[in-house]
Amino acid sequence: MKKILTSVNMRGWDAYTIANEPIASIELMERAAGKCFDWLVENFNHTHHFLICCGTGNNGGDGLVIARLLDHAGYDVHVYFPMFDLNILSADARGNFERLNPLLIINENLFFENLKNKNTVVVDALFGTGLNKEVTDAYAKCIEQINQSTATIVSIDIPSGLFCDSATPNDSSKIKADYTLTFQSLKPSFVLPQTAAYCGKVIVLDILLLPQYYHNVETIYFTLEENDIVGFLKPRSPFSHKGTYGHALLIGGSYGKAGAIILAATACMRSGVGLTSIITDPECIIPIQSSISEAMCIINGYEKIVVDGTVDSYDVIGIGPGLNICDSTIKIVEHIFKNYSKQIVVDADGINLISANKFLLECIPPNVIFTPHPKELQRLIGTWNDDFEKLEMTISFCKKYNCFCVIKGNHSCIVNPEGQIVFNTTGNAGMATGGSGDVLTGIISAFAAQGYEAYQSLMLGVFMHGLAGDFAAVKYSQWSMIASDIISCLPMAFEKTSPHNNDKLWR
């Protein structure tokens, strides 16, 4: 997994590199800005006009270096300071100001005129990752004008006005970038719904900070990458049989919602489980068995589980897709929580059932996996004010109940009982469709049944769900894809990530 680093982490990494490479801070600024310059000239040509908007700190210093390099390369470039006082420039910014052609600096009137040019590229170098107060006055006016223009906006390190690793005030001015050229690592604000929209497409530039610091620095934020999944996924033995890959029990489906449990069960079977059984309302049995030949329905399953106590014969129990919330389902969930010793996955109406009957939380066993969308999470843990508070509340919930939680959405994030947060790197907006969460429940349940530990099941399930969704988006488009398309693309996801072992003993 790759680390997502905070502003404090990044300041520490800069300082470590300056001390141990060693390199002067102004030369490190030159190197970082040089990487931005390289990206700009690769993506824009000499027909574009560059308007570099600079603050008085080191982010502004980066902008000044970029302006000088563009000028030397023959590009049309101007520099604008919303507020300027030579005495308050940071030391490195002042050094680069003195190296700049003074004819490149323009006043406010020319700044507004240049914004009207349809070929203008605004390079936002007003504020960096250290900003922790609301933007006001001339800076707020500058940001407002940039956002209202038709210019292409490229932010350096972070869109100005956006806080790096805490909630930005809603009414604070923030650049809405088309591209963000950030240094060395993603930042927490880049992967959260309320703030990621300001970043546009994020490009992580390697500015050659010393890797020893990265290896040792502690963070709670990570991204889940394909290499992590290839390392988890087990090859299938040529001597295996259906019992090798576990028996999943899925509980859900009700009148009008049989489709939810059908999607979950189909996804479960497409994800490598050996056997799948379903407990559902009686009126759902015919639709289920008509749709899924391979799954087994347990007649009078609610009563059998509670009365006979046969839960331990299953390797995982998935609860929730289309579940009928009633006395019998409350009793079966309580029975499972108190008597089942293996992995449990709870989704959708399973979460809603627990939210409405909070006494059930007091009897959940360790390592239960919850898979809520934001509204279901809110019912479970309470209301939050911003995405950072949402993560803090989810961490507290997972620590209290020794459970796992995946918050579904763009960059679905996994929270574990130790307080780590892992953001998924697969998936797309086409997956925002009814039934997509039921598919995820089935996939996670399949991995759990096959003997993966809870954390591994969750990471495999979330990543493969998103990857299948990415294949589905290519095949059907993000506008036209539906949940069953994700299932149909699971084989491609497995083909891309599975270890290719030769299971033929002879030819």
Protein backbone atom coordinates (compact mmCIF):
# COMPACT_ATOMS: atom_id res chain seq x y z
CA MET A 1 0.00 0.00 0.00
CA LYS A 2 1.15 3.54 -0.70
CA LYS A 3 1.11 6.14 2.05
CA ILE A 4 -0.97 9.31 1.87
CA LEU A 5 0.93 12.02 3.73
CA THR A 6 -0.23 15.04 5.71
CA SER A 7 1.21 18.57 5.58
CA VAL A 8 3.28 17.80 8.69
CA ASN A 9 4.63 14.64 7.06
CA MET A 10 5.60 16.59 3.92
CA ARG A 11 7.38 19.34 5.85
CA GLY A 12 9.30 16.63 7.67
CA TRP A 13 10.23 14.93 4.41
CA ASP A 14 11.49 18.20 2.91
CA ALA A 15 13.55 18.92 6.01
CA TYR A 16 14.97 15.38 6.08
CA THR A 17 16.04 15.64 2.45
CA ILE A 18 17.56 19.09 2.90
CA ALA A 19 19.59 17.83 5.88
CA ASN A 20 20.63 14.43 4.56
CA GLU A 21 21.04 14.69 0.79
CA PRO A 22 22.20 17.42 1.52
CA ILE A 23 20.63 20.12 -0.64
CA ALA A 24 19.86 23.80 -0.09
CA SER A 25 16.15 24.53 0.30
CA ILE A 26 16.19 26.93 -2.66
CA GLU A 27 17.69 24.20 -4.85
CA LEU A 28 15.01 21.75 -3.71
CA MET A 29 12.44 24.39 -4.73
CA GLU A 30 14.14 24.60 -8.12
CA ARG A 31 13.93 20.83 -8.52
CA ALA A 32 10.26 20.65 -7.57
CA ALA A 33 9.29 23.56 -9.80
CA GLY A 34 11.37 22.06 -12.61
CA LYS A 35 9.23 18.92 -12.50
CA CYS A 36 6.12 21.12 -12.79
CA PHE A 37 7.69 22.97 -15.73
CA ASP A 38 8.42 19.66 -17.47
CA TRP A 39 4.77 18.60 -17.10
CA LEU A 40 3.47 21.94 -18.35
CA VAL A 41 5.57 21.94 -21.54
CA GLU A 42 4.59 18.33 -22.22
CA ASN A 43 0.89 19.23 -22.04
CA PHE A 44 0.68 22.78 -23.43
CA ASN A 45 2.32 24.40 -26.44
CA HIS A 46 3.52 27.88 -27.39
CA THR A 47 0.01 28.97 -28.41
CA HIS A 48 -0.91 29.04 -24.73
CA HIS A 49 -0.42 32.02 -22.47
CA PHE A 50 0.72 31.23 -18.92
CA LEU A 51 -0.53 33.36 -16.06
CA ILE A 52 1.34 32.49 -12.84
CA CYS A 53 -0.52 33.60 -9.69
CA CYS A 54 1.87 33.73 -6.75
CA GLY A 55 1.56 34.05 -2.99
CA THR A 56 4.33 35.18 -0.68
CA GLY A 57 5.32 31.76 0.70
CA ASN A 58 7.21 28.83 -0.75
CA ASN A 59 4.28 27.86 -2.99
CA GLY A 60 4.66 31.29 -4.57
CA GLY A 61 8.37 30.59 -4.83
CA ASP A 62 7.57 27.47 -6.86
CA GLY A 63 5.45 29.65 -9.14
CA LEU A 64 8.29 32.13 -9.63
CA VAL A 65 10.68 29.36 -10.68
CA ILE A 66 8.08 28.00 -13.13
CA ALA A 67 7.61 31.50 -14.59
CA ARG A 68 11.37 31.94 -15.09
CA LEU A 69 11.74 28.53 -16.74
CA LEU A 70 8.78 29.14 -19.06
CA ASP A 71 10.16 32.56 -19.99
CA HIS A 72 13.58 31.10 -20.79
CA ALA A 73 11.88 28.45 -22.95
CA GLY A 74 10.18 31.12 -25.05
CA TYR A 75 6.62 30.84 -23.67
CA ASP A 76 4.30 33.81 -23.25
CA VAL A 77 4.15 34.20 -19.48
CA HIS A 78 3.15 36.77 -16.86
CA VAL A 79 3.23 36.78 -13.06
CA TYR A 80 0.56 38.26 -10.80
CA PHE A 81 0.72 38.86 -7.04
CA PRO A 82 -2.70 39.56 -5.47
CA MET A 83 -0.80 41.04 -2.50
CA PHE A 84 2.87 41.90 -2.69
CA ASP A 85 5.41 43.07 -0.17
CA LEU A 86 9.02 42.16 -0.72
CA ASN A 87 9.59 42.12 3.02
CA ILE A 88 7.11 39.29 3.65
CA LEU A 89 8.26 36.95 0.90
CA SER A 90 9.74 33.72 2.25
CA ALA A 91 13.52 33.58 1.90
CA ASP A 92 13.47 31.16 -1.01
CA ALA A 93 10.60 32.96 -2.73
CA ARG A 94 12.54 36.24 -2.42
CA GLY A 95 15.62 34.61 -3.91
CA ASN A 96 13.63 33.49 -6.93
CA PHE A 97 11.86 36.85 -7.21
CA GLU A 98 15.26 38.47 -7.60
CA ARG A 99 16.12 36.02 -10.43
CA LEU A 100 12.90 36.82 -12.33
CA ASN A 101 12.61 39.23 -15.26
CA PRO A 102 10.67 42.11 -13.62
CA LEU A 103 8.88 42.81 -16.91
CA LEU A 104 6.88 39.60 -16.42
CA ILE A 105 5.03 41.02 -13.39
CA ILE A 106 1.63 42.53 -14.18
CA ASN A 107 -0.93 44.58 -12.27
CA GLU A 108 -4.53 43.73 -11.38
CA ASN A 109 -6.02 45.24 -14.56
CA LEU A 110 -3.76 43.21 -16.83
CA PHE A 111 -4.47 40.12 -14.70
CA PHE A 112 -8.21 40.47 -15.40
CA GLU A 113 -7.54 41.07 -19.11
CA ASN A 114 -5.33 37.99 -19.39
CA LEU A 115 -8.01 35.83 -17.75
CA LYS A 116 -10.28 36.60 -20.73
CA ASN A 117 -7.84 34.98 -23.15
CA LYS A 118 -9.28 31.56 -24.07
CA ASN A 119 -5.76 30.14 -24.41
CA THR A 120 -4.69 31.18 -20.91
CA VAL A 121 -3.33 28.57 -18.52
CA VAL A 122 -3.48 29.77 -14.92
CA VAL A 123 -0.78 28.30 -12.71
CA ASP A 124 -2.10 28.55 -9.14
CA ALA A 125 0.83 29.06 -6.77
CA LEU A 126 -0.94 31.13 -4.11
CA PHE A 127 -0.96 28.82 -1.09
CA GLY A 128 0.53 25.39 -0.37
CA THR A 129 -0.28 22.52 1.95
CA GLY A 130 0.44 24.54 5.10
CA LEU A 131 -2.66 26.76 4.80
CA ASN A 132 -4.87 26.52 7.89
CA LYS A 133 -7.00 29.67 7.84
CA GLU A 134 -9.75 31.03 5.65
CA VAL A 135 -8.71 32.94 2.51
CA THR A 136 -9.89 36.57 2.46
CA ASP A 137 -9.36 39.97 0.85
CA ALA A 138 -7.34 40.22 -2.39
CA TYR A 139 -6.59 36.50 -2.43
CA ALA A 140 -10.28 35.60 -2.21
CA LYS A 141 -11.04 38.04 -5.06
CA CYS A 142 -8.24 36.52 -7.16
CA ILE A 143 -9.52 32.98 -6.59
CA GLU A 144 -13.08 34.02 -7.47
CA GLN A 145 -11.92 35.59 -10.73
CA ILE A 146 -9.84 32.54 -11.67
CA ASN A 147 -12.74 30.15 -11.00
CA GLN A 148 -15.11 32.27 -13.09
CA SER A 149 -12.74 32.37 -16.06
CA THR A 150 -12.55 29.91 -18.95
CA ALA A 151 -8.82 29.37 -18.35
CA THR A 152 -7.31 25.96 -17.73
CA ILE A 153 -6.28 25.93 -14.06
CA VAL A 154 -3.21 24.03 -12.86
CA SER A 155 -2.59 24.09 -9.10
CA ILE A 156 0.86 23.52 -7.65
CA ASP A 157 0.90 20.97 -4.81
CA ILE A 158 -2.70 21.68 -3.69
CA PRO A 159 -5.53 23.94 -4.92
CA SER A 160 -5.13 27.23 -3.08
CA GLY A 161 -7.59 27.74 -0.26
CA LEU A 162 -8.01 24.00 0.34
CA PHE A 163 -6.76 22.64 3.66
CA CYS A 164 -4.52 19.61 3.27
CA ASP A 165 -5.65 17.36 6.11
CA SER A 166 -8.53 19.01 7.93
CA ALA A 167 -11.93 20.37 7.00
CA THR A 168 -11.93 23.54 4.89
CA PRO A 169 -14.66 26.05 5.86
CA ASN A 170 -17.50 25.77 3.36
CA ASP A 171 -17.61 29.49 2.62
CA SER A 172 -13.83 29.87 2.25
CA SER A 173 -12.55 30.66 -1.25
CA LYS A 174 -10.95 27.65 -2.93
CA ILE A 175 -9.43 27.19 -6.38
CA LYS A 176 -11.31 24.66 -8.48
CA ALA A 177 -8.44 23.17 -10.47
CA ASP A 178 -8.46 21.20 -13.69
CA TYR A 179 -5.13 19.65 -12.70
CA THR A 180 -3.17 19.47 -9.46
CA LEU A 181 0.56 18.82 -9.68
CA THR A 182 1.41 17.54 -6.23
CA PHE A 183 4.76 16.47 -4.86
CA GLN A 184 5.76 12.93 -3.98
CA SER A 185 2.49 11.70 -2.40
CA LEU A 186 -1.27 12.12 -2.41
CA LYS A 187 -2.70 14.29 0.37
CA PRO A 188 -5.81 13.42 2.46
CA SER A 189 -7.97 16.14 0.88
CA PHE A 190 -7.40 14.61 -2.56
CA VAL A 191 -9.40 11.45 -1.79
CA LEU A 192 -12.40 12.73 0.20
CA PRO A 193 -15.69 13.60 -1.55
CA GLN A 194 -16.12 17.15 -0.21
CA THR A 195 -12.61 18.25 -1.19
CA ALA A 196 -11.45 16.01 -4.06
CA ALA A 197 -13.79 17.83 -6.46
CA TYR A 198 -11.53 20.90 -6.20
CA CYS A 199 -8.42 19.01 -7.31
CA GLY A 200 -9.35 17.93 -10.83
CA LYS A 201 -6.93 15.34 -12.15
CA VAL A 202 -4.10 14.79 -9.66
CA ILE A 203 -0.60 14.11 -10.97
CA VAL A 204 1.97 12.99 -8.38
CA LEU A 205 5.45 14.25 -9.31
CA ASP A 206 8.57 12.57 -7.96
CA ILE A 207 10.91 15.34 -6.83
CA LEU A 208 13.48 12.87 -5.50
CA LEU A 209 12.95 13.36 -1.79
CA LEU A 210 14.98 10.77 0.12
CA PRO A 211 13.01 7.49 0.36
CA GLN A 212 14.27 6.57 3.84
CA TYR A 213 11.94 9.13 5.40
CA TYR A 214 8.93 7.76 3.51
CA HIS A 215 9.64 4.21 4.64
CA ASN A 216 9.77 5.22 8.31
CA VAL A 217 7.11 7.93 8.59
CA GLU A 218 3.84 6.97 10.28
CA THR A 219 0.45 7.79 8.80
CA ILE A 220 -3.09 6.45 9.10
CA TYR A 221 -3.84 7.05 5.40
CA PHE A 222 -3.03 4.61 2.59
CA THR A 223 -4.07 3.72 -0.96
CA LEU A 224 -4.85 0.18 -2.10
CA GLU A 225 -2.89 -0.71 -5.24
CA GLU A 226 -2.96 -3.59 -7.71
CA ASN A 227 0.37 -4.94 -6.41
CA ASP A 228 -1.21 -5.39 -2.97
CA ILE A 229 -3.98 -7.53 -4.45
CA VAL A 230 -1.67 -9.71 -6.52
CA GLY A 231 0.22 -10.39 -3.29
CA PHE A 232 -2.97 -11.48 -1.48
CA LEU A 233 -4.67 -13.61 -4.14
CA LYS A 234 -4.02 -17.32 -3.72
CA PRO A 235 -3.53 -19.66 -6.71
CA ARG A 236 -6.04 -22.50 -7.06
CA SER A 237 -4.71 -26.01 -6.66
CA PRO A 238 -5.36 -28.53 -9.47
CA PHE A 239 -6.36 -31.03 -6.75
CA SER A 240 -9.01 -28.78 -5.20
CA HIS A 241 -12.76 -29.43 -5.06
CA LYS A 242 -15.81 -27.34 -4.16
CA GLY A 243 -15.26 -27.95 -0.46
CA THR A 244 -11.81 -26.38 -0.75
CA TYR A 245 -13.26 -22.96 -1.46
CA GLY A 246 -15.79 -22.67 1.32
CA HIS A 247 -19.53 -22.48 1.83
CA ALA A 248 -21.14 -19.03 1.96
CA LEU A 249 -24.53 -18.38 3.55
CA LEU A 250 -26.28 -15.23 2.35
CA ILE A 251 -29.32 -13.90 4.21
CA GLY A 252 -31.56 -11.39 2.46
CA GLY A 253 -34.22 -10.83 -0.14
CA SER A 254 -37.84 -9.93 0.53
CA TYR A 255 -41.01 -9.21 -1.40
CA GLY A 256 -40.02 -6.74 -4.13
CA LYS A 257 -36.30 -7.05 -3.30
CA ALA A 258 -35.40 -10.53 -4.50
CA GLY A 259 -33.02 -8.95 -7.00
CA ALA A 260 -30.69 -7.76 -4.24
CA ILE A 261 -29.93 -11.24 -2.93
CA ILE A 262 -29.75 -12.62 -6.48
CA LEU A 263 -27.03 -10.08 -7.31
CA ALA A 264 -25.14 -10.84 -4.10
CA ALA A 265 -25.28 -14.60 -4.63
CA THR A 266 -24.28 -14.39 -8.30
CA ALA A 267 -21.32 -12.15 -7.45
CA CYS A 268 -20.34 -14.55 -4.67
CA MET A 269 -20.27 -17.51 -7.03
CA ARG A 270 -18.37 -15.51 -9.69
CA SER A 271 -15.70 -14.74 -7.08
CA GLY A 272 -14.53 -18.27 -6.50
CA VAL A 273 -16.64 -19.63 -3.63
CA GLY A 274 -17.26 -23.39 -3.60
CA LEU A 275 -20.89 -23.41 -2.39
CA THR A 276 -23.53 -20.75 -1.86
CA SER A 277 -26.71 -21.13 0.21
CA ILE A 278 -29.45 -18.53 0.68
CA ILE A 279 -31.95 -17.86 3.43
CA THR A 280 -34.74 -15.62 2.21
CA ASP A 281 -38.46 -14.92 2.48
CA PRO A 282 -40.58 -17.79 1.05
CA GLU A 283 -41.92 -15.69 -1.85
CA CYS A 284 -38.35 -15.08 -3.09
CA ILE A 285 -37.35 -18.73 -3.44
CA ILE A 286 -38.87 -19.29 -6.89
CA PRO A 287 -37.38 -16.10 -8.41
CA ILE A 288 -33.99 -16.96 -6.91
CA GLN A 289 -33.91 -20.55 -8.09
CA SER A 290 -35.18 -19.50 -11.50
CA SER A 291 -32.32 -16.99 -11.78
CA ILE A 292 -29.42 -18.89 -10.18
CA SER A 293 -29.12 -22.58 -10.92
CA GLU A 294 -26.01 -23.01 -8.80
CA ALA A 295 -27.25 -21.58 -5.48
CA MET A 296 -29.21 -23.48 -2.83
CA CYS A 297 -32.18 -22.01 -0.98
CA ILE A 298 -32.87 -23.20 2.56
CA ILE A 299 -36.58 -23.80 3.11
CA ASN A 300 -37.80 -22.22 6.38
CA GLY A 301 -34.24 -21.03 6.87
CA TYR A 302 -34.96 -18.40 9.54
CA GLU A 303 -36.52 -20.98 11.83
CA LYS A 304 -33.93 -23.67 11.09
CA ILE A 305 -30.99 -21.46 11.96
CA VAL A 306 -32.41 -20.26 15.26
CA VAL A 307 -33.90 -23.59 16.35
CA ASP A 308 -31.24 -25.98 15.05
CA GLY A 309 -28.25 -23.69 15.60
CA THR A 310 -26.46 -24.96 12.48
CA VAL A 311 -24.57 -21.75 11.68
CA ASP A 312 -21.04 -23.08 12.16
CA SER A 313 -21.33 -25.32 9.11
CA TYR A 314 -20.85 -22.19 6.97
CA ASP A 315 -17.54 -20.44 6.37
CA VAL A 316 -19.02 -16.95 6.10
CA ILE A 317 -22.42 -15.37 6.61
CA GLY A 318 -23.42 -12.33 4.56
CA ILE A 319 -26.43 -10.44 5.90
CA GLY A 320 -28.47 -7.67 4.38
CA PRO A 321 -29.12 -7.42 0.63
CA GLY A 322 -32.89 -6.85 0.33
CA LEU A 323 -33.42 -8.12 3.89
CA ASN A 324 -36.92 -8.00 5.36
CA ILE A 325 -36.59 -6.11 8.67
CA CYS A 326 -38.96 -7.91 11.03
CA ASP A 327 -38.96 -9.93 14.27
CA SER A 328 -37.63 -13.10 12.64
CA THR A 329 -34.66 -11.34 11.00
CA ILE A 330 -33.84 -9.49 14.23
CA LYS A 331 -33.78 -12.85 16.02
CA ILE A 332 -31.58 -14.52 13.42
CA VAL A 333 -29.06 -11.66 13.41
CA GLU A 334 -28.89 -11.75 17.22
CA HIS A 335 -28.47 -15.55 17.13
CA ILE A 336 -25.66 -15.33 14.58
CA PHE A 337 -23.84 -12.59 16.49
CA LYS A 338 -23.98 -14.62 19.70
CA ASN A 339 -23.26 -18.09 18.28
CA TYR A 340 -21.23 -17.80 15.08
CA SER A 341 -17.45 -17.81 15.30
CA LYS A 342 -16.39 -17.15 11.70
CA GLN A 343 -16.57 -14.13 9.39
CA ILE A 344 -19.71 -12.01 9.06
CA VAL A 345 -20.43 -9.40 6.38
CA VAL A 346 -23.27 -6.93 7.03
CA ASP A 347 -24.67 -4.67 4.31
CA ALA A 348 -27.69 -2.57 3.34
CA ASP A 349 -30.81 -3.55 5.28
CA GLY A 350 -28.67 -5.60 7.64
CA ILE A 351 -27.04 -2.33 8.70
CA ASN A 352 -30.42 -0.60 8.86
CA LEU A 353 -31.74 -3.40 11.07
CA ILE A 354 -28.83 -2.99 13.49
CA SER A 355 -29.16 0.81 13.44
CA ALA A 356 -32.80 0.48 14.49
CA ASN A 357 -31.94 -2.14 17.15
CA LYS A 358 -28.69 -0.87 18.68
CA PHE A 359 -28.68 -3.59 21.36
CA LEU A 360 -27.34 -5.87 18.60
CA LEU A 361 -24.08 -3.94 18.57
CA GLU A 362 -23.36 -5.10 22.10
CA CYS A 363 -23.21 -8.72 21.01
CA ILE A 364 -21.30 -8.52 17.73
CA PRO A 365 -18.24 -10.79 17.59
CA PRO A 366 -14.81 -9.49 16.54
CA ASN A 367 -13.98 -8.68 12.91
CA VAL A 368 -17.49 -8.13 11.57
CA ILE A 369 -17.33 -6.34 8.19
CA PHE A 370 -19.81 -3.50 7.61
CA THR A 371 -20.26 -2.16 4.07
CA PRO A 372 -22.47 0.97 4.29
CA HIS A 373 -23.07 3.74 1.83
CA PRO A 374 -22.94 7.19 3.53
CA LYS A 375 -26.63 7.28 4.54
CA GLU A 376 -26.43 3.79 6.08
CA LEU A 377 -23.23 4.80 7.88
CA GLN A 378 -24.97 7.88 9.28
CA ARG A 379 -27.75 5.70 10.72
CA LEU A 380 -25.11 3.47 12.28
CA ILE A 381 -22.68 5.98 13.82
CA GLY A 382 -24.50 9.34 13.84
CA THR A 383 -24.27 12.62 11.94
CA TRP A 384 -21.00 14.34 11.04
CA ASN A 385 -20.18 17.87 9.88
CA ASP A 386 -17.50 17.08 7.30
CA ASP A 387 -15.59 14.18 5.75
CA PHE A 388 -12.73 14.36 8.25
CA GLU A 389 -15.14 14.12 11.16
CA LYS A 390 -16.86 11.23 9.39
CA LEU A 391 -13.56 9.35 9.30
CA GLU A 392 -12.84 10.12 12.95
CA MET A 393 -16.29 8.82 13.97
CA THR A 394 -15.86 5.68 11.85
CA ILE A 395 -12.46 5.00 13.42
CA SER A 396 -13.98 5.34 16.88
CA PHE A 397 -16.80 2.95 15.93
CA CYS A 398 -14.39 0.34 14.51
CA LYS A 399 -12.13 0.53 17.56
CA LYS A 400 -15.06 0.27 19.98
CA TYR A 401 -16.59 -2.78 18.32
CA ASN A 402 -13.37 -4.32 16.95
CA CYS A 403 -14.87 -4.35 13.46
CA PHE A 404 -14.12 -3.26 9.90
CA CYS A 405 -16.02 -0.76 7.81
CA VAL A 406 -15.89 0.13 4.14
CA ILE A 407 -17.50 3.47 3.30
CA LYS A 408 -18.74 3.04 -0.25
CA GLY A 409 -18.35 5.75 -2.85
CA ASN A 410 -15.68 7.26 -5.10
CA HIS A 411 -12.38 6.13 -3.55
CA SER A 412 -14.28 3.73 -1.24
CA CYS A 413 -12.31 3.65 2.00
CA ILE A 414 -11.68 0.80 4.39
CA VAL A 415 -11.34 1.51 8.11
CA ASN A 416 -9.85 -1.17 10.37
CA PRO A 417 -9.95 -1.58 14.18
CA GLU A 418 -6.42 -0.14 14.47
CA GLY A 419 -7.58 3.15 12.96
CA GLN A 420 -5.95 2.84 9.55
CA ILE A 421 -7.83 4.19 6.53
CA VAL A 422 -7.22 2.62 3.12
CA PHE A 423 -8.59 4.30 -0.01
CA ASN A 424 -9.35 2.14 -3.03
CA THR A 425 -7.84 3.08 -6.40
CA THR A 426 -10.32 1.25 -8.64
CA GLY A 427 -13.92 2.07 -9.53
CA ASN A 428 -15.77 4.84 -11.33
CA ALA A 429 -18.97 6.91 -11.31
CA GLY A 430 -20.84 4.33 -13.39
CA MET A 431 -20.93 2.13 -10.29
CA ALA A 432 -23.32 4.58 -8.62
CA THR A 433 -26.23 2.37 -9.57
CA GLY A 434 -28.74 0.25 -7.65
CA GLY A 435 -27.41 -3.18 -6.73
CA SER A 436 -23.72 -2.30 -6.90
CA GLY A 437 -23.42 -2.63 -3.11
CA ASP A 438 -25.13 -6.04 -3.18
CA VAL A 439 -22.49 -7.18 -5.66
CA LEU A 440 -19.76 -6.01 -3.28
CA THR A 441 -21.30 -7.99 -0.41
CA GLY A 442 -21.22 -11.14 -2.52
CA ILE A 443 -17.60 -10.65 -3.57
CA ILE A 444 -16.34 -10.00 -0.02
CA SER A 445 -18.32 -12.99 1.26
CA ALA A 446 -16.73 -15.21 -1.38
CA PHE A 447 -13.21 -14.28 -0.31
CA ALA A 448 -14.07 -14.76 3.36
CA ALA A 449 -15.47 -18.24 2.61
CA GLN A 450 -12.22 -19.16 0.86
CA GLY A 451 -10.23 -18.67 4.06
CA TYR A 452 -8.90 -15.13 3.72
CA GLU A 453 -8.67 -13.11 6.91
CA ALA A 454 -11.23 -10.35 7.36
CA TYR A 455 -8.91 -7.50 6.33
CA GLN A 456 -7.72 -9.38 3.27
CA SER A 457 -11.28 -10.33 2.28
CA LEU A 458 -12.29 -6.71 2.52
CA MET A 459 -9.37 -5.33 0.51
CA LEU A 460 -9.67 -8.02 -2.15
CA GLY A 461 -13.42 -7.51 -2.38
CA VAL A 462 -13.31 -3.72 -2.64
CA PHE A 463 -10.46 -3.69 -5.17
CA MET A 464 -11.91 -6.44 -7.40
CA HIS A 465 -15.38 -4.87 -7.26
CA GLY A 466 -13.93 -1.57 -8.48
CA LEU A 467 -11.73 -3.22 -11.09
CA ALA A 468 -14.67 -5.17 -12.54
CA GLY A 469 -16.56 -1.87 -12.57
CA ASP A 470 -13.75 -0.27 -14.55
CA PHE A 471 -13.94 -3.05 -17.14
CA ALA A 472 -17.72 -2.65 -17.23
CA ALA A 473 -17.37 1.11 -17.81
CA VAL A 474 -15.19 0.43 -20.85
CA LYS A 475 -17.58 -2.16 -22.20
CA TYR A 476 -20.92 -0.47 -21.46
CA SER A 477 -19.96 3.17 -20.60
CA GLN A 478 -20.41 4.80 -17.21
CA TRP A 479 -23.87 6.01 -18.24
CA SER A 480 -25.25 2.63 -19.33
CA MET A 481 -23.68 0.12 -16.96
CA ILE A 482 -25.80 -1.63 -14.32
CA ALA A 483 -24.89 -3.77 -11.33
CA SER A 484 -25.08 -7.08 -13.20
CA ASP A 485 -22.54 -5.70 -15.70
CA ILE A 486 -20.03 -5.52 -12.83
CA ILE A 487 -20.58 -9.24 -12.20
CA SER A 488 -20.18 -10.03 -15.90
CA CYS A 489 -16.76 -8.33 -15.84
CA LEU A 490 -15.43 -10.12 -12.76
CA PRO A 491 -13.66 -12.75 -14.93
CA MET A 492 -11.62 -9.96 -16.54
CA ALA A 493 -10.73 -8.54 -13.14
CA PHE A 494 -9.53 -11.94 -11.93
CA GLU A 495 -7.61 -12.54 -15.14
CA LYS A 496 -5.76 -9.24 -14.64
CA THR A 497 -4.80 -9.81 -11.00
CA SER A 498 -4.58 -13.56 -10.39
CA PRO A 499 -1.28 -15.44 -10.18
CA HIS A 500 -1.00 -17.40 -13.43
CA ASN A 501 0.05 -20.81 -12.21
CA ASN A 502 0.27 -23.73 -14.62
CA ASP A 503 -2.29 -26.19 -13.26
CA LYS A 504 -1.90 -28.70 -16.12
CA LEU A 505 0.14 -31.64 -14.94
CA TRP A 506 0.82 -32.88 -18.45
CA ARG A 507 0.12 -32.06 -22.07
